[in-house]
């Protein structure tokens, strides 16, 4: 993967990285709370399905799934998920053990993001 494709958060200002970048999410949803809720719910449903497929697929078959998840995560500002999905993309072309480690990190990042999504949906 080219260095220019590396996932970077917009205006990361804190070492304490949020699971969901609220400023980015507000930007992409035009600060429309209803649209924000819809986008978060869609991401959550899609991410659960993609992650389930990633976890049950052979390493060579996960690259496309991980790429799709990376794009969706980037769209809502779930930078940790995007970076973890990118790591799965890279690891999928290597050995199975490395891919499995990357998938475990992706699961952890998704758990954090899903917890944040639940909190955001409750607050909205």
Foldseek 3Di string as FASTA:
>chain_A
DDPVPADDFDPDDDPPDAQFDVVLQCVLQVVPLVSSLVLLVVLLVLVVVLLVCLVPDQLLPNLVSLCVNLVSCSNGRSRQLNNLSVQLNVCSVPDRVSNVVSSVSNVVSSVRNVVVSVVSNVVD
